[in-house]
Amino acid sequence: MIIIASVGVNSLTDDKIRKMTLAGADIFRFNFSYRTVEENIKNIQIAKDIIDDLHAKTKTLLDLPFKKYRLGYFDLKSFAVRENEEFIFKYASYSPDCNQFIPVNISQLGNKVDINQTVTISDGEIAIQITEIIDSNTIKAKILNNGIIFFNKSFNIKHYRPEQELLKEYKNIIEKTKHLEPNYFAVPFINTNFNNEFKKIFYQQDTKAKLIIKIEQQIDEGEVISISQDEFYDMIMLDRGEMGVNLPFEKVGLWQKHIGIIAKQYKKKLLISTQILESTINNFVPHRSEILDLTNMVLDKIDGIVLCHETGYGMRPAYSINVAKKIIAEVEKHTNNHK
């Protein structure tokens, strides 16, 4: 099974990238939803230098951003909130203090939400309810559950970035990173027309990188079949984080199983992303539900997993990789012994 390790805010050090490489990460994922293109280029080059130094075979994956809007930046990078607290959310790229306002990169924010509307943040870890629209760019909202808000996470309203803006950004990323010779790009499936336009852009680039198509929302079964048959895409990545906020969460497990069946039918490799072993960020022994989840993925012959917060935000990313490999190896040994 392929193990993809996200390189993020807490793993962007020589020591941690080195440890993740030695732990057996097959692919390093760099998420272009975070940081500037230039910052990501610098980080990718650091990782590639370490891979070369270790004579490792770890590959690189450049993950193109989805069409969602995001929170802005704040110095502490994380902000603890409690149920029933109220905060100001304001259109801005930066806030000096989230107690003054939490920045949201959405122009005309006040015109894009409604009173009493519930909005989730990130992969649904935090929910807020709109209580007041102060002006066209400023709202007040009540926190619906205890938790932590992290900078730059998605702000999940039903308004999306224009498709032409996304295509322009994708072209810019591909052109500027060409010299790094990435092994993979991951592009979200937006709709058939959008992705056909992306194909034209990609074909024009002089790159040997392979394409991974990300499914981040519920789409027609016919579209899943078409993707599975499309040789343009080397693999499918099912992003459970986005799926969990883009459709009723109770359907995510069924949708994962359904896509797995279709992908296997057409011999298309399938990767599962998000919340694989998040408990290992702090726990020595992972949650039993996570052990069972990963066990079932191996038994279902899923081709790979994508560790996100485990290696991007966790302070001991190599440990999460070691735990994943241990579970995978045990299930594969059991399967081989009972053939």
C-alpha atoms as a PDB file:
ATOM      1  CA  MET A   1       0.000   0.000   0.000  1.00  0.00           C
ATOM      2  CA  ILE A   2       1.263   3.461  -0.948  1.00  0.00           C
ATOM      3  CA  ILE A   3       1.782   5.837   1.987  1.00  0.00           C
ATOM      4  CA  ILE A   4       1.554   9.524   1.106  1.00  0.00           C
ATOM      5  CA  ALA A   5       2.762  11.895   3.832  1.00  0.00           C
ATOM      6  CA  SER A   6       1.671  15.524   3.781  1.00  0.00           C
ATOM      7  CA  VAL A   7       4.460  17.994   4.504  1.00  0.00           C
ATOM      8  CA  GLY A   8       3.021  20.878   6.500  1.00  0.00           C
ATOM      9  CA  VAL A   9       3.541  23.546   9.091  1.00  0.00           C
ATOM     10  CA  ASN A  10       5.056  21.254  11.748  1.00  0.00           C
ATOM     11  CA  SER A  11       7.050  18.971   9.458  1.00  0.00           C
ATOM     12  CA  LEU A  12       8.868  21.598   7.414  1.00  0.00           C
ATOM     13  CA  THR A  13      12.230  20.912   9.015  1.00  0.00           C
ATOM     14  CA  ASP A  14      15.267  19.048   7.742  1.00  0.00           C
ATOM     15  CA  ASP A  15      15.129  16.633  10.684  1.00  0.00           C
ATOM     16  CA  LYS A  16      11.442  15.716  10.317  1.00  0.00           C
ATOM     17  CA  ILE A  17      11.546  15.330   6.542  1.00  0.00           C
ATOM     18  CA  ARG A  18      14.588  13.110   6.968  1.00  0.00           C
ATOM     19  CA  LYS A  19      12.794  10.979   9.580  1.00  0.00           C
ATOM     20  CA  MET A  20       9.668  10.677   7.414  1.00  0.00           C
ATOM     21  CA  THR A  21      11.804   9.559   4.490  1.00  0.00           C
ATOM     22  CA  LEU A  22      13.538   6.936   6.609  1.00  0.00           C
ATOM     23  CA  ALA A  23      10.195   5.827   8.078  1.00  0.00           C
ATOM     24  CA  GLY A  24       9.143   4.810   4.584  1.00  0.00           C
ATOM     25  CA  ALA A  25       6.954   7.555   3.120  1.00  0.00           C
ATOM     26  CA  ASP A  26       6.457   6.648  -0.539  1.00  0.00           C
ATOM     27  CA  ILE A  27       5.321  10.120  -1.601  1.00  0.00           C
ATOM     28  CA  PHE A  28       5.560  13.575  -0.027  1.00  0.00           C
ATOM     29  CA  ARG A  29       2.459  15.712  -0.577  1.00  0.00           C
ATOM     30  CA  PHE A  30       2.711  19.507  -0.771  1.00  0.00           C
ATOM     31  CA  ASN A  31      -0.680  21.182  -0.492  1.00  0.00           C
ATOM     32  CA  PHE A  32      -0.782  24.398  -2.555  1.00  0.00           C
ATOM     33  CA  SER A  33      -3.873  25.547  -0.666  1.00  0.00           C
ATOM     34  CA  TYR A  34      -1.361  26.719   1.918  1.00  0.00           C
ATOM     35  CA  ARG A  35       1.596  29.069   1.517  1.00  0.00           C
ATOM     36  CA  THR A  36       2.629  30.926  -1.631  1.00  0.00           C
ATOM     37  CA  VAL A  37       3.893  29.133  -4.720  1.00  0.00           C
ATOM     38  CA  GLU A  38       7.388  30.444  -3.984  1.00  0.00           C
ATOM     39  CA  GLU A  39       7.285  29.158  -0.395  1.00  0.00           C
ATOM     40  CA  ASN A  40       6.145  25.743  -1.575  1.00  0.00           C
ATOM     41  CA  ILE A  41       8.902  25.631  -4.202  1.00  0.00           C
ATOM     42  CA  LYS A  42      11.480  26.294  -1.479  1.00  0.00           C
ATOM     43  CA  ASN A  43      10.054  23.512   0.713  1.00  0.00           C
ATOM     44  CA  ILE A  44       9.864  21.017  -2.143  1.00  0.00           C
ATOM     45  CA  GLN A  45      13.489  21.671  -3.028  1.00  0.00           C
ATOM     46  CA  ILE A  46      14.524  21.070   0.594  1.00  0.00           C
ATOM     47  CA  ALA A  47      12.682  17.738   0.565  1.00  0.00           C
ATOM     48  CA  LYS A  48      14.171  16.717  -2.781  1.00  0.00           C
ATOM     49  CA  ASP A  49      17.685  17.495  -1.511  1.00  0.00           C
ATOM     50  CA  ILE A  50      17.114  15.275   1.527  1.00  0.00           C
ATOM     51  CA  ILE A  51      15.679  12.479  -0.619  1.00  0.00           C
ATOM     52  CA  ASP A  52      18.759  12.641  -2.856  1.00  0.00           C
ATOM     53  CA  ASP A  53      21.091  12.741   0.142  1.00  0.00           C
ATOM     54  CA  LEU A  54      19.489   9.587   1.551  1.00  0.00           C
ATOM     55  CA  HIS A  55      19.402   7.898  -1.881  1.00  0.00           C
ATOM     56  CA  ALA A  56      15.693   7.319  -1.232  1.00  0.00           C
ATOM     57  CA  LYS A  57      12.953   6.671  -3.763  1.00  0.00           C
ATOM     58  CA  THR A  58      10.373   8.977  -2.187  1.00  0.00           C
ATOM     59  CA  LYS A  59       8.372  10.848  -4.823  1.00  0.00           C
ATOM     60  CA  THR A  60       6.730  14.280  -4.741  1.00  0.00           C
ATOM     61  CA  LEU A  61       3.063  15.177  -5.167  1.00  0.00           C
ATOM     62  CA  LEU A  62       1.884  18.746  -5.742  1.00  0.00           C
ATOM     63  CA  ASP A  63      -1.746  19.052  -4.649  1.00  0.00           C
ATOM     64  CA  LEU A  64      -3.666  21.790  -6.484  1.00  0.00           C
ATOM     65  CA  PRO A  65      -6.219  23.714  -4.371  1.00  0.00           C
ATOM     66  CA  PHE A  66      -9.959  23.087  -4.389  1.00  0.00           C
ATOM     67  CA  LYS A  67     -12.387  25.872  -5.280  1.00  0.00           C
ATOM     68  CA  LYS A  68     -13.240  26.766  -1.689  1.00  0.00           C
ATOM     69  CA  TYR A  69     -12.541  29.983   0.139  1.00  0.00           C
ATOM     70  CA  ARG A  70     -10.354  30.006   3.241  1.00  0.00           C
ATOM     71  CA  LEU A  71      -9.646  31.799   6.468  1.00  0.00           C
ATOM     72  CA  GLY A  72      -6.814  34.305   6.505  1.00  0.00           C
ATOM     73  CA  TYR A  73      -3.631  34.311   8.542  1.00  0.00           C
ATOM     74  CA  PHE A  74      -3.117  35.109  12.235  1.00  0.00           C
ATOM     75  CA  ASP A  75       0.134  35.063  14.160  1.00  0.00           C
ATOM     76  CA  LEU A  76      -0.650  32.282  16.642  1.00  0.00           C
ATOM     77  CA  LYS A  77      -1.788  30.030  13.764  1.00  0.00           C
ATOM     78  CA  SER A  78      -4.389  28.404  16.050  1.00  0.00           C
ATOM     79  CA  PHE A  79      -7.174  29.915  18.149  1.00  0.00           C
ATOM     80  CA  ALA A  80      -9.146  28.061  20.836  1.00  0.00           C
ATOM     81  CA  VAL A  81     -12.902  28.678  20.910  1.00  0.00           C
ATOM     82  CA  ARG A  82     -15.700  27.526  23.189  1.00  0.00           C
ATOM     83  CA  GLU A  83     -19.349  26.701  22.593  1.00  0.00           C
ATOM     84  CA  ASN A  84     -21.684  29.741  22.633  1.00  0.00           C
ATOM     85  CA  GLU A  85     -18.874  32.292  22.349  1.00  0.00           C
ATOM     86  CA  GLU A  86     -19.437  34.956  19.684  1.00  0.00           C
ATOM     87  CA  PHE A  87     -16.768  36.337  17.367  1.00  0.00           C
ATOM     88  CA  ILE A  88     -16.503  38.767  14.495  1.00  0.00           C
ATOM     89  CA  PHE A  89     -15.565  37.262  11.107  1.00  0.00           C
ATOM     90  CA  LYS A  90     -14.314  39.830   8.617  1.00  0.00           C
ATOM     91  CA  TYR A  91     -13.027  39.910   5.042  1.00  0.00           C
ATOM     92  CA  ALA A  92      -9.250  40.201   5.432  1.00  0.00           C
ATOM     93  CA  SER A  93      -6.111  38.255   4.668  1.00  0.00           C
ATOM     94  CA  TYR A  94      -4.675  38.854   8.151  1.00  0.00           C
ATOM     95  CA  SER A  95      -5.784  39.626  11.697  1.00  0.00           C
ATOM     96  CA  PRO A  96      -3.444  40.775  14.468  1.00  0.00           C
ATOM     97  CA  ASP A  97      -5.822  39.322  17.078  1.00  0.00           C
ATOM     98  CA  CYS A  98      -8.681  36.871  16.537  1.00  0.00           C
ATOM     99  CA  ASN A  99     -10.429  38.361  19.576  1.00  0.00           C
ATOM    100  CA  GLN A 100     -10.831  41.490  17.465  1.00  0.00           C
ATOM    101  CA  PHE A 101     -11.874  39.593  14.334  1.00  0.00           C
ATOM    102  CA  ILE A 102     -11.182  36.291  12.582  1.00  0.00           C
ATOM    103  CA  PRO A 103     -10.002  36.923   8.983  1.00  0.00           C
ATOM    104  CA  VAL A 104     -11.837  35.313   6.058  1.00  0.00           C
ATOM    105  CA  ASN A 105     -10.594  35.609   2.455  1.00  0.00           C
ATOM    106  CA  ILE A 106     -14.067  36.207   1.022  1.00  0.00           C
ATOM    107  CA  SER A 107     -14.898  39.584  -0.458  1.00  0.00           C
ATOM    108  CA  GLN A 108     -18.502  40.627   0.221  1.00  0.00           C
ATOM    109  CA  LEU A 109     -18.702  38.008   2.988  1.00  0.00           C
ATOM    110  CA  GLY A 110     -21.774  39.633   4.495  1.00  0.00           C
ATOM    111  CA  ASN A 111     -23.658  39.296   1.201  1.00  0.00           C
ATOM    112  CA  LYS A 112     -22.867  35.581   0.875  1.00  0.00           C
ATOM    113  CA  VAL A 113     -24.324  34.281   4.139  1.00  0.00           C
ATOM    114  CA  ASP A 114     -27.713  34.436   5.893  1.00  0.00           C
ATOM    115  CA  ILE A 115     -28.805  34.965   9.482  1.00  0.00           C
ATOM    116  CA  ASN A 116     -29.001  31.602  11.356  1.00  0.00           C
ATOM    117  CA  GLN A 117     -26.994  29.851   8.632  1.00  0.00           C
ATOM    118  CA  THR A 118     -24.618  27.169   9.945  1.00  0.00           C
ATOM    119  CA  VAL A 119     -21.110  27.190   8.460  1.00  0.00           C
ATOM    120  CA  THR A 120     -18.399  24.618   9.108  1.00  0.00           C
ATOM    121  CA  ILE A 121     -14.679  25.347   9.204  1.00  0.00           C
ATOM    122  CA  SER A 122     -11.945  23.033   7.872  1.00  0.00           C
ATOM    123  CA  ASP A 123     -13.148  19.426   7.674  1.00  0.00           C
ATOM    124  CA  GLY A 124     -16.079  20.174   9.971  1.00  0.00           C
ATOM    125  CA  GLU A 125     -14.121  20.335  13.228  1.00  0.00           C
ATOM    126  CA  ILE A 126     -15.770  23.668  14.103  1.00  0.00           C
ATOM    127  CA  ALA A 127     -19.286  24.887  13.285  1.00  0.00           C
ATOM    128  CA  ILE A 128     -20.582  28.428  13.638  1.00  0.00           C
ATOM    129  CA  GLN A 129     -24.036  29.970  13.354  1.00  0.00           C
ATOM    130  CA  ILE A 130     -24.414  33.411  11.782  1.00  0.00           C
ATOM    131  CA  THR A 131     -26.105  35.734  14.305  1.00  0.00           C
ATOM    132  CA  GLU A 132     -25.624  39.164  12.712  1.00  0.00           C
ATOM    133  CA  ILE A 133     -24.596  40.647   9.380  1.00  0.00           C
ATOM    134  CA  ILE A 134     -22.764  43.805  10.406  1.00  0.00           C
ATOM    135  CA  ASP A 135     -21.935  45.038   6.895  1.00  0.00           C
ATOM    136  CA  SER A 136     -21.094  43.683   3.450  1.00  0.00           C
ATOM    137  CA  ASN A 137     -17.718  42.373   4.638  1.00  0.00           C
ATOM    138  CA  THR A 138     -18.331  41.665   8.321  1.00  0.00           C
ATOM    139  CA  ILE A 139     -20.477  39.187  10.258  1.00  0.00           C
ATOM    140  CA  LYS A 140     -20.914  37.995  13.830  1.00  0.00           C
ATOM    141  CA  ALA A 141     -21.273  34.293  14.571  1.00  0.00           C
ATOM    142  CA  LYS A 142     -21.816  31.985  17.548  1.00  0.00           C
ATOM    143  CA  ILE A 143     -19.473  29.026  18.051  1.00  0.00           C
ATOM    144  CA  LEU A 144     -21.432  25.757  18.178  1.00  0.00           C
ATOM    145  CA  ASN A 145     -18.764  23.469  19.663  1.00  0.00           C
ATOM    146  CA  ASN A 146     -15.504  23.599  21.595  1.00  0.00           C
ATOM    147  CA  GLY A 147     -12.364  23.307  19.508  1.00  0.00           C
ATOM    148  CA  ILE A 148      -9.507  25.036  17.748  1.00  0.00           C
ATOM    149  CA  ILE A 149      -9.619  27.197  14.631  1.00  0.00           C
ATOM    150  CA  PHE A 150      -6.449  26.985  12.534  1.00  0.00           C
ATOM    151  CA  PHE A 151      -5.318  29.664  10.099  1.00  0.00           C
ATOM    152  CA  ASN A 152      -5.923  29.221   6.366  1.00  0.00           C
ATOM    153  CA  LYS A 153      -8.506  26.456   6.816  1.00  0.00           C
ATOM    154  CA  SER A 154     -11.542  26.274   4.536  1.00  0.00           C
ATOM    155  CA  PHE A 155     -14.626  28.342   5.335  1.00  0.00           C
ATOM    156  CA  ASN A 156     -17.378  26.148   3.953  1.00  0.00           C
ATOM    157  CA  ILE A 157     -20.067  28.347   2.474  1.00  0.00           C
ATOM    158  CA  LYS A 158     -21.787  27.414  -0.772  1.00  0.00           C
ATOM    159  CA  HIS A 159     -19.939  30.055  -2.759  1.00  0.00           C
ATOM    160  CA  TYR A 160     -16.905  29.031  -4.765  1.00  0.00           C
ATOM    161  CA  ARG A 161     -13.999  30.679  -6.524  1.00  0.00           C
ATOM    162  CA  PRO A 162     -14.561  31.338 -10.257  1.00  0.00           C
ATOM    163  CA  GLU A 163     -13.433  28.419 -12.432  1.00  0.00           C
ATOM    164  CA  GLN A 164     -11.340  30.577 -14.771  1.00  0.00           C
ATOM    165  CA  GLU A 165      -9.499  31.949 -11.743  1.00  0.00           C
ATOM    166  CA  LEU A 166      -8.722  28.382 -10.659  1.00  0.00           C
ATOM    167  CA  LEU A 167      -7.484  27.366 -14.114  1.00  0.00           C
ATOM    168  CA  LYS A 168      -5.202  30.398 -14.227  1.00  0.00           C
ATOM    169  CA  GLU A 169      -3.802  29.495 -10.796  1.00  0.00           C
ATOM    170  CA  TYR A 170      -3.237  25.851 -11.808  1.00  0.00           C
ATOM    171  CA  LYS A 171      -1.367  26.905 -14.948  1.00  0.00           C
ATOM    172  CA  ASN A 172       0.812  29.262 -12.904  1.00  0.00           C
ATOM    173  CA  ILE A 173       1.676  26.529 -10.376  1.00  0.00           C
ATOM    174  CA  ILE A 174       2.551  23.979 -13.054  1.00  0.00           C
ATOM    175  CA  GLU A 175       4.736  26.437 -14.974  1.00  0.00           C
ATOM    176  CA  LYS A 176       6.595  27.677 -11.891  1.00  0.00           C
ATOM    177  CA  THR A 177       7.261  24.182 -10.493  1.00  0.00           C
ATOM    178  CA  LYS A 178       8.275  22.530 -13.758  1.00  0.00           C
ATOM    179  CA  HIS A 179      11.988  22.685 -12.921  1.00  0.00           C
ATOM    180  CA  LEU A 180      11.372  20.621  -9.763  1.00  0.00           C
ATOM    181  CA  GLU A 181      10.243  17.681 -11.907  1.00  0.00           C
ATOM    182  CA  PRO A 182       7.401  16.604  -9.586  1.00  0.00           C
ATOM    183  CA  ASN A 183       6.209  13.026  -9.960  1.00  0.00           C
ATOM    184  CA  TYR A 184       2.515  13.806  -9.494  1.00  0.00           C
ATOM    185  CA  PHE A 185      -0.021  16.602  -9.567  1.00  0.00           C
ATOM    186  CA  ALA A 186      -3.400  16.135  -7.875  1.00  0.00           C
ATOM    187  CA  VAL A 187      -6.265  18.074  -9.429  1.00  0.00           C
ATOM    188  CA  PRO A 188      -9.831  18.220  -8.054  1.00  0.00           C
ATOM    189  CA  PHE A 189     -12.754  17.055 -10.157  1.00  0.00           C
ATOM    190  CA  ILE A 190     -14.898  20.174 -10.467  1.00  0.00           C
ATOM    191  CA  ASN A 191     -17.061  19.153 -13.425  1.00  0.00           C
ATOM    192  CA  THR A 192     -16.472  17.554 -16.826  1.00  0.00           C
ATOM    193  CA  ASN A 193     -16.089  20.852 -18.710  1.00  0.00           C
ATOM    194  CA  PHE A 194     -13.663  22.311 -16.165  1.00  0.00           C
ATOM    195  CA  ASN A 195     -11.488  19.216 -16.108  1.00  0.00           C
ATOM    196  CA  ASN A 196     -11.431  19.031 -19.900  1.00  0.00           C
ATOM    197  CA  GLU A 197     -10.136  22.612 -19.906  1.00  0.00           C
ATOM    198  CA  PHE A 198      -7.510  21.609 -17.354  1.00  0.00           C
ATOM    199  CA  LYS A 199      -6.419  18.737 -19.600  1.00  0.00           C
ATOM    200  CA  LYS A 200      -5.705  21.222 -22.403  1.00  0.00           C
ATOM    201  CA  ILE A 201      -3.549  23.312 -20.068  1.00  0.00           C
ATOM    202  CA  PHE A 202      -1.692  20.277 -18.774  1.00  0.00           C
ATOM    203  CA  TYR A 203      -1.030  18.882 -22.245  1.00  0.00           C
ATOM    204  CA  GLN A 204       0.638  22.183 -23.153  1.00  0.00           C
ATOM    205  CA  GLN A 205       3.158  21.847 -20.334  1.00  0.00           C
ATOM    206  CA  ASP A 206       6.426  20.028 -20.821  1.00  0.00           C
ATOM    207  CA  THR A 207       6.085  17.780 -17.776  1.00  0.00           C
ATOM    208  CA  LYS A 208       6.406  14.045 -17.199  1.00  0.00           C
ATOM    209  CA  ALA A 209       4.323  14.213 -14.029  1.00  0.00           C
ATOM    210  CA  LYS A 210       1.361  11.875 -13.649  1.00  0.00           C
ATOM    211  CA  LEU A 211      -2.103  13.088 -12.704  1.00  0.00           C
ATOM    212  CA  ILE A 212      -4.192  12.138  -9.679  1.00  0.00           C
ATOM    213  CA  ILE A 213      -7.850  13.147  -9.802  1.00  0.00           C
ATOM    214  CA  LYS A 214      -9.392  14.145  -6.473  1.00  0.00           C
ATOM    215  CA  ILE A 215     -13.048  13.439  -5.726  1.00  0.00           C
ATOM    216  CA  GLU A 216     -14.110  15.932  -3.067  1.00  0.00           C
ATOM    217  CA  GLN A 217     -17.872  16.020  -3.516  1.00  0.00           C
ATOM    218  CA  GLN A 218     -20.626  13.618  -4.499  1.00  0.00           C
ATOM    219  CA  ILE A 219     -20.777  13.297  -8.269  1.00  0.00           C
ATOM    220  CA  ASP A 220     -22.826  11.227 -10.685  1.00  0.00           C
ATOM    221  CA  GLU A 221     -21.994   7.536 -10.896  1.00  0.00           C
ATOM    222  CA  GLY A 222     -21.448   7.998 -14.629  1.00  0.00           C
ATOM    223  CA  GLU A 223     -18.780  10.605 -13.884  1.00  0.00           C
ATOM    224  CA  VAL A 224     -17.028   8.222 -11.475  1.00  0.00           C
ATOM    225  CA  ILE A 225     -17.049   5.535 -14.167  1.00  0.00           C
ATOM    226  CA  SER A 226     -15.741   7.998 -16.762  1.00  0.00           C
ATOM    227  CA  ILE A 227     -12.906   9.054 -14.428  1.00  0.00           C
ATOM    228  CA  SER A 228     -12.053   5.417 -13.716  1.00  0.00           C
ATOM    229  CA  GLN A 229     -11.802   4.716 -17.447  1.00  0.00           C
ATOM    230  CA  ASP A 230      -9.790   7.849 -18.245  1.00  0.00           C
ATOM    231  CA  GLU A 231      -6.117   6.993 -18.849  1.00  0.00           C
ATOM    232  CA  PHE A 232      -5.238  10.676 -18.380  1.00  0.00           C
ATOM    233  CA  TYR A 233      -5.490  10.045 -14.629  1.00  0.00           C
ATOM    234  CA  ASP A 234      -3.061   7.636 -13.002  1.00  0.00           C
ATOM    235  CA  MET A 235      -4.991   7.381  -9.711  1.00  0.00           C
ATOM    236  CA  ILE A 236      -8.132   8.567  -7.938  1.00  0.00           C
ATOM    237  CA  MET A 237      -7.885  10.257  -4.542  1.00  0.00           C
ATOM    238  CA  LEU A 238     -11.032  10.249  -2.417  1.00  0.00           C
ATOM    239  CA  ASP A 239     -10.801  13.245  -0.085  1.00  0.00           C
ATOM    240  CA  ARG A 240     -12.932  12.311   2.911  1.00  0.00           C
ATOM    241  CA  GLY A 241     -12.239  15.656   4.558  1.00  0.00           C
ATOM    242  CA  GLU A 242     -13.983  17.616   1.809  1.00  0.00           C
ATOM    243  CA  MET A 243     -16.600  14.897   1.369  1.00  0.00           C
ATOM    244  CA  GLY A 244     -17.550  15.199   5.037  1.00  0.00           C
ATOM    245  CA  VAL A 245     -18.626  18.832   4.586  1.00  0.00           C
ATOM    246  CA  ASN A 246     -19.823  18.668   0.964  1.00  0.00           C
ATOM    247  CA  LEU A 247     -22.497  16.044   1.587  1.00  0.00           C
ATOM    248  CA  PRO A 248     -24.276  14.603   4.640  1.00  0.00           C
ATOM    249  CA  PHE A 249     -21.520  13.006   6.743  1.00  0.00           C
ATOM    250  CA  GLU A 250     -23.531   9.808   7.239  1.00  0.00           C
ATOM    251  CA  LYS A 251     -23.082   9.069   3.530  1.00  0.00           C
ATOM    252  CA  VAL A 252     -19.267   9.324   3.436  1.00  0.00           C
ATOM    253  CA  GLY A 253     -18.611   5.678   4.341  1.00  0.00           C
ATOM    254  CA  LEU A 254     -21.075   4.380   1.751  1.00  0.00           C
ATOM    255  CA  TRP A 255     -19.630   6.702  -0.901  1.00  0.00           C
ATOM    256  CA  GLN A 256     -16.099   5.482  -0.128  1.00  0.00           C
ATOM    257  CA  LYS A 257     -17.202   1.858  -0.545  1.00  0.00           C
ATOM    258  CA  HIS A 258     -19.082   2.666  -3.753  1.00  0.00           C
ATOM    259  CA  ILE A 259     -16.162   4.461  -5.384  1.00  0.00           C
ATOM    260  CA  GLY A 260     -13.848   1.632  -4.286  1.00  0.00           C
ATOM    261  CA  ILE A 261     -16.010  -0.912  -6.097  1.00  0.00           C
ATOM    262  CA  ILE A 262     -16.100   1.145  -9.305  1.00  0.00           C
ATOM    263  CA  ALA A 263     -12.344   1.874  -9.233  1.00  0.00           C
ATOM    264  CA  LYS A 264     -11.534  -1.823  -8.825  1.00  0.00           C
ATOM    265  CA  GLN A 265     -13.946  -2.743 -11.610  1.00  0.00           C
ATOM    266  CA  TYR A 266     -11.989  -0.525 -14.022  1.00  0.00           C
ATOM    267  CA  LYS A 267      -8.564  -1.282 -12.492  1.00  0.00           C
ATOM    268  CA  LYS A 268      -7.972   2.315 -11.429  1.00  0.00           C
ATOM    269  CA  LYS A 269      -5.780   2.830  -8.349  1.00  0.00           C
ATOM    270  CA  LEU A 270      -7.611   4.420  -5.422  1.00  0.00           C
ATOM    271  CA  LEU A 271      -6.157   6.523  -2.584  1.00  0.00           C
ATOM    272  CA  ILE A 272      -8.078   7.397   0.588  1.00  0.00           C
ATOM    273  CA  SER A 273      -7.277  10.732   2.228  1.00  0.00           C
ATOM    274  CA  THR A 274      -7.929  12.391   5.582  1.00  0.00           C
ATOM    275  CA  GLN A 275      -8.281  11.240   9.190  1.00  0.00           C
ATOM    276  CA  ILE A 276      -6.542   7.910   8.728  1.00  0.00           C
ATOM    277  CA  LEU A 277      -4.575   7.911  11.999  1.00  0.00           C
ATOM    278  CA  GLU A 278      -5.100  11.389  13.467  1.00  0.00           C
ATOM    279  CA  SER A 279      -5.090  10.075  17.030  1.00  0.00           C
ATOM    280  CA  THR A 280      -1.383   9.239  16.623  1.00  0.00           C
ATOM    281  CA  ILE A 281      -0.646  12.964  16.686  1.00  0.00           C
ATOM    282  CA  ASN A 282      -0.882  12.629  20.485  1.00  0.00           C
ATOM    283  CA  ASN A 283      -1.565   8.960  21.300  1.00  0.00           C
ATOM    284  CA  PHE A 284       0.923   6.109  21.425  1.00  0.00           C
ATOM    285  CA  VAL A 285      -1.822   3.591  20.552  1.00  0.00           C
ATOM    286  CA  PRO A 286      -4.211   4.829  17.831  1.00  0.00           C
ATOM    287  CA  HIS A 287      -7.957   4.875  18.294  1.00  0.00           C
ATOM    288  CA  ARG A 288      -9.443   1.433  17.705  1.00  0.00           C
ATOM    289  CA  SER A 289     -11.846   2.870  15.132  1.00  0.00           C
ATOM    290  CA  GLU A 290      -8.818   4.080  13.129  1.00  0.00           C
ATOM    291  CA  ILE A 291      -7.136   0.675  13.392  1.00  0.00           C
ATOM    292  CA  LEU A 292     -10.311  -0.966  12.086  1.00  0.00           C
ATOM    293  CA  ASP A 293     -10.700   1.668   9.351  1.00  0.00           C
ATOM    294  CA  LEU A 294      -7.185   1.102   8.031  1.00  0.00           C
ATOM    295  CA  THR A 295      -7.548  -2.670   8.399  1.00  0.00           C
ATOM    296  CA  ASN A 296     -10.681  -2.568   6.249  1.00  0.00           C
ATOM    297  CA  MET A 297      -8.910  -0.452   3.633  1.00  0.00           C
ATOM    298  CA  VAL A 298      -6.171  -3.072   3.308  1.00  0.00           C
ATOM    299  CA  LEU A 299      -8.750  -5.878   3.137  1.00  0.00           C
ATOM    300  CA  ASP A 300     -10.664  -3.882   0.492  1.00  0.00           C
ATOM    301  CA  LYS A 301      -7.396  -3.645  -1.481  1.00  0.00           C
ATOM    302  CA  ILE A 302      -7.283   0.150  -1.432  1.00  0.00           C
ATOM    303  CA  ASP A 303      -4.043   1.148  -3.174  1.00  0.00           C
ATOM    304  CA  GLY A 304      -2.865   3.904  -0.859  1.00  0.00           C
ATOM    305  CA  ILE A 305      -3.555   6.296   2.000  1.00  0.00           C
ATOM    306  CA  VAL A 306      -2.883  10.012   2.424  1.00  0.00           C
ATOM    307  CA  LEU A 307      -1.805  11.133   5.880  1.00  0.00           C
ATOM    308  CA  CYS A 308      -2.811  14.790   6.306  1.00  0.00           C
ATOM    309  CA  HIS A 309      -2.812  16.294   9.816  1.00  0.00           C
ATOM    310  CA  GLU A 310      -0.870  13.256  11.048  1.00  0.00           C
ATOM    311  CA  THR A 311       2.269  14.369   9.227  1.00  0.00           C
ATOM    312  CA  GLY A 312       1.438  17.979   8.348  1.00  0.00           C
ATOM    313  CA  TYR A 313       0.459  19.241  11.802  1.00  0.00           C
ATOM    314  CA  GLY A 314       1.640  16.482  14.132  1.00  0.00           C
ATOM    315  CA  MET A 315       4.910  17.050  15.966  1.00  0.00           C
ATOM    316  CA  ARG A 316       6.086  13.462  15.376  1.00  0.00           C
ATOM    317  CA  PRO A 317       5.108  12.721  11.767  1.00  0.00           C
ATOM    318  CA  ALA A 318       7.428   9.730  11.367  1.00  0.00           C
ATOM    319  CA  TYR A 319       5.586   7.940  14.182  1.00  0.00           C
ATOM    320  CA  SER A 320       2.272   8.124  12.290  1.00  0.00           C
ATOM    321  CA  ILE A 321       3.983   6.594   9.246  1.00  0.00           C
ATOM    322  CA  ASN A 322       5.462   3.807  11.386  1.00  0.00           C
ATOM    323  CA  VAL A 323       2.046   3.027  12.894  1.00  0.00           C
ATOM    324  CA  ALA A 324       0.429   2.906   9.447  1.00  0.00           C
ATOM    325  CA  LYS A 325       3.105   0.558   8.117  1.00  0.00           C
ATOM    326  CA  LYS A 326       2.745  -1.720  11.165  1.00  0.00           C
ATOM    327  CA  ILE A 327      -1.031  -2.096  10.720  1.00  0.00           C
ATOM    328  CA  ILE A 328      -0.740  -2.570   6.954  1.00  0.00           C
ATOM    329  CA  ALA A 329       1.984  -5.208   7.322  1.00  0.00           C
ATOM    330  CA  GLU A 330      -0.007  -7.193   9.899  1.00  0.00           C
ATOM    331  CA  VAL A 331      -3.160  -7.258   7.765  1.00  0.00           C
ATOM    332  CA  GLU A 332      -1.204  -8.220   4.633  1.00  0.00           C
ATOM    333  CA  LYS A 333       0.575 -11.014   6.541  1.00  0.00           C
ATOM    334  CA  HIS A 334      -2.771 -12.327   7.794  1.00  0.00           C
ATOM    335  CA  THR A 335      -4.251 -12.169   4.283  1.00  0.00           C
ATOM    336  CA  ASN A 336      -1.296 -14.029   2.769  1.00  0.00           C
ATOM    337  CA  ASN A 337      -1.433 -16.723   5.454  1.00  0.00           C
ATOM    338  CA  HIS A 338      -5.102 -17.412   4.773  1.00  0.00           C
ATOM    339  CA  LYS A 339      -5.058 -17.630   1.002  1.00  0.00           C
END
